[in-house]
Protein backbone atom coordinates (compact mmCIF):
# COMPACT_ATOMS: atom_id res chain seq x y z
CA MET A 1 0.12 -0.04 0.03
CA LYS A 2 1.67 3.29 -1.13
CA CYS A 3 1.72 5.89 1.08
CA PRO A 4 -0.65 8.91 0.17
CA TYR A 5 2.06 11.42 1.12
CA CYS A 6 5.16 10.37 0.29
CA GLN A 7 4.47 7.32 -2.20
CA TYR A 8 6.60 4.82 -0.33
CA SER A 9 5.23 1.28 -0.65
CA GLU A 10 5.53 0.16 2.94
CA SER A 11 3.56 0.77 5.91
CA LYS A 12 2.36 -0.78 9.02
CA VAL A 13 -1.11 -1.40 10.26
CA ILE A 14 -1.76 0.19 13.78
CA ASP A 15 -5.22 -0.48 14.14
CA SER A 16 -8.14 -2.91 12.44
CA ARG A 17 -11.65 -3.37 12.60
CA PRO A 18 -14.91 -4.01 10.28
CA THR A 19 -17.00 -1.28 9.21
CA ASP A 20 -20.74 -0.81 10.54
CA GLU A 21 -22.16 -2.66 7.86
CA ASP A 22 -19.41 -5.68 8.23
CA GLU A 23 -18.84 -5.46 4.60
CA LYS A 24 -15.53 -3.65 4.49
CA ILE A 25 -12.45 -3.75 7.07
CA ARG A 26 -11.03 0.07 8.01
CA ARG A 27 -7.24 0.05 8.68
CA ARG A 28 -5.12 2.77 10.00
CA ARG A 29 -1.75 2.46 8.51
CA GLU A 30 1.55 4.29 9.62
CA CYS A 31 4.02 5.01 6.28
CA ILE A 32 7.63 3.24 7.39
CA ARG A 33 9.40 6.44 6.17
CA CYS A 34 7.46 9.35 6.72
CA GLY A 35 5.81 8.14 9.85
CA LYS A 36 2.21 9.91 8.48
CA ARG A 37 -1.06 7.91 9.07
CA PHE A 38 -3.52 7.15 6.74
CA THR A 39 -6.74 5.25 6.38
CA THR A 40 -7.59 2.35 4.08
CA TYR A 41 -10.60 0.10 3.42
CA GLU A 42 -10.34 -3.61 2.29
CA ILE A 43 -13.52 -5.36 0.44
CA VAL A 44 -13.75 -9.06 -0.59
CA GLU A 45 -13.40 -9.20 -4.23
CA THR A 46 -16.25 -11.52 -5.71
CA THR A 47 -16.73 -12.74 -9.01
CA PRO A 48 -20.53 -12.27 -10.12
CA LEU A 49 -22.47 -15.79 -10.31
CA MET A 50 -23.61 -16.07 -14.11
CA VAL A 51 -27.08 -17.91 -14.94
CA LEU A 52 -26.67 -19.82 -18.59
CA LYS A 53 -30.61 -19.96 -19.40
CA LYS A 54 -32.64 -22.00 -21.61
CA ASP A 55 -32.08 -20.05 -24.62
CA SER A 56 -28.20 -20.40 -24.50
CA SER A 57 -28.06 -16.44 -23.13
CA ILE A 58 -26.04 -15.79 -20.05
CA GLU A 59 -27.22 -13.30 -17.22
CA PRO A 60 -25.97 -12.53 -13.79
CA PHE A 61 -27.78 -14.20 -11.14
CA ASN A 62 -30.50 -12.13 -9.86
CA ARG A 63 -31.78 -13.12 -6.42
CA GLU A 64 -35.24 -10.93 -6.59
CA LYS A 65 -36.25 -12.91 -9.77
CA LEU A 66 -35.94 -16.18 -7.96
CA LEU A 67 -37.85 -14.56 -4.77
CA ASN A 68 -40.44 -13.35 -7.01
CA GLY A 69 -41.02 -17.08 -8.38
CA LEU A 70 -41.19 -18.38 -5.28
CA LEU A 71 -43.66 -15.40 -4.17
CA ARG A 72 -45.98 -16.37 -6.99
CA ALA A 73 -45.87 -20.19 -6.01
CA CYS A 74 -46.58 -19.44 -2.59
CA GLU A 75 -49.18 -16.89 -2.67
CA LYS A 76 -52.38 -17.39 -0.24
CA ARG A 77 -49.51 -20.30 1.31
CA PRO A 78 -48.91 -20.23 4.75
CA LEU A 79 -45.11 -19.36 4.06
CA SER A 80 -43.52 -16.00 5.10
CA LEU A 81 -41.69 -13.88 3.29
CA LYS A 82 -38.97 -14.40 5.62
CA ARG A 83 -38.65 -18.31 5.08
CA LEU A 84 -39.00 -17.35 1.38
CA GLU A 85 -35.80 -15.18 1.79
CA GLN A 86 -34.44 -17.92 3.63
CA ILE A 87 -35.01 -20.56 0.66
CA VAL A 88 -32.98 -17.88 -1.56
CA ASP A 89 -29.91 -17.65 0.74
CA THR A 90 -29.57 -21.26 0.69
CA ILE A 91 -29.74 -21.62 -2.89
CA GLU A 92 -27.21 -18.78 -3.53
CA GLN A 93 -25.20 -20.14 -0.90
CA LYS A 94 -25.32 -23.38 -2.60
CA LEU A 95 -24.74 -22.11 -6.09
CA LYS A 96 -22.02 -19.92 -4.82
CA ASN A 97 -20.57 -23.21 -2.93
CA SER A 98 -20.30 -24.89 -5.98
CA LEU A 99 -17.63 -23.32 -7.20
CA GLU A 100 -19.09 -22.43 -10.82
CA GLY A 101 -18.75 -19.26 -12.20
CA GLU A 102 -21.85 -20.33 -14.26
CA VAL A 103 -24.86 -22.27 -13.19
CA SER A 104 -27.77 -22.96 -15.57
CA SER A 105 -31.24 -21.74 -14.71
CA ARG A 106 -32.26 -25.60 -14.75
CA MET A 107 -30.08 -26.26 -11.70
CA ILE A 108 -31.53 -23.25 -9.61
CA GLY A 109 -34.95 -24.38 -10.70
CA GLU A 110 -34.25 -27.76 -9.44
CA LEU A 111 -32.76 -26.52 -6.32
CA ALA A 112 -36.01 -24.39 -5.67
CA MET A 113 -38.19 -26.97 -6.36
CA LYS A 114 -36.22 -29.24 -3.93
CA GLU A 115 -36.55 -26.54 -1.18
CA LEU A 116 -40.71 -25.92 -1.81
CA ARG A 117 -40.98 -29.64 -2.16
CA SER A 118 -40.28 -30.05 1.63
CA ILE A 119 -41.94 -27.33 2.82
CA ASP A 120 -45.24 -27.12 0.95
CA GLN A 121 -46.44 -29.29 -1.44
CA VAL A 122 -49.00 -27.10 -3.34
CA ALA A 123 -46.50 -24.30 -3.45
CA TYR A 124 -43.99 -27.00 -5.12
CA ILE A 125 -46.93 -28.02 -7.49
CA ARG A 126 -47.65 -24.30 -8.81
CA PHE A 127 -43.61 -23.80 -9.25
CA ALA A 128 -43.28 -26.85 -10.94
CA SER A 129 -46.06 -26.21 -13.49
CA VAL A 130 -44.35 -23.05 -14.67
CA TYR A 131 -40.64 -24.14 -14.21
CA ARG A 132 -41.33 -27.50 -16.00
CA GLU A 133 -43.80 -25.83 -18.40
CA PHE A 134 -46.25 -28.65 -18.17
CA GLN A 135 -48.23 -28.73 -21.48
CA ASP A 136 -51.28 -30.69 -20.42
CA ILE A 137 -53.32 -32.28 -17.14
CA ASP A 138 -51.31 -35.30 -17.81
CA SER A 139 -48.23 -33.73 -16.79
CA PHE A 140 -49.77 -32.15 -14.02
CA MET A 141 -51.37 -35.35 -12.54
CA GLU A 142 -47.96 -37.52 -13.24
CA GLU A 143 -46.54 -34.95 -10.71
CA LEU A 144 -49.16 -35.48 -8.43
CA ARG A 145 -48.91 -39.03 -8.41
CA LYS A 146 -44.85 -39.00 -7.73
CA ILE A 147 -45.88 -36.95 -4.72
CA GLN A 148 -48.46 -39.48 -3.58
CA GLU A 149 -46.45 -42.29 -3.76
CA GLU A 150 -43.59 -40.58 -1.82
CA GLN A 151 -46.29 -39.69 0.85
CA ASN A 152 -47.60 -43.58 1.06
CA ASN A 153 -44.01 -44.73 1.09
CA SER A 154 -43.34 -42.31 4.03
CA GLU A 155 -46.16 -43.12 6.03
CA PRO A 156 -45.34 -46.27 8.67
CA ASN A 157 -47.36 -49.37 7.85
CA GLU A 158 -49.73 -50.35 10.68
CA ASP A 159 -50.12 -54.02 10.38
């Protein structure tokens, strides 16, 4: 870090603390040559998460877009906005942890359906009907049958 006064390239850190938003680190430094003090701020450099869409176009990941899709699927369902935001956070974190700079919209949709399926089956079916582009009632019924089978298999037998 160059001293803003004498341009010397070595300084020592005197104090270091996070900013109020916890997004930056504020550092007080002292120049080794001239002894003057100055403040620097450090931020984490991140690469944007890119989404490969069905039409082969690429756009930055948009958490608001995902949240809006979940909100539509969960309309008039007993799920809070906070819970849906947690789902979006979970999905975004999984995508970032995958260390892929580019993820398919298909993967995002599958993750969203997995999360919805575990908390609200009606919201899951709504989301799946749009995401999987159900063309007819048979597609819809097939998905319902899968859910019903899973429920029947998970219920304890009372023999």
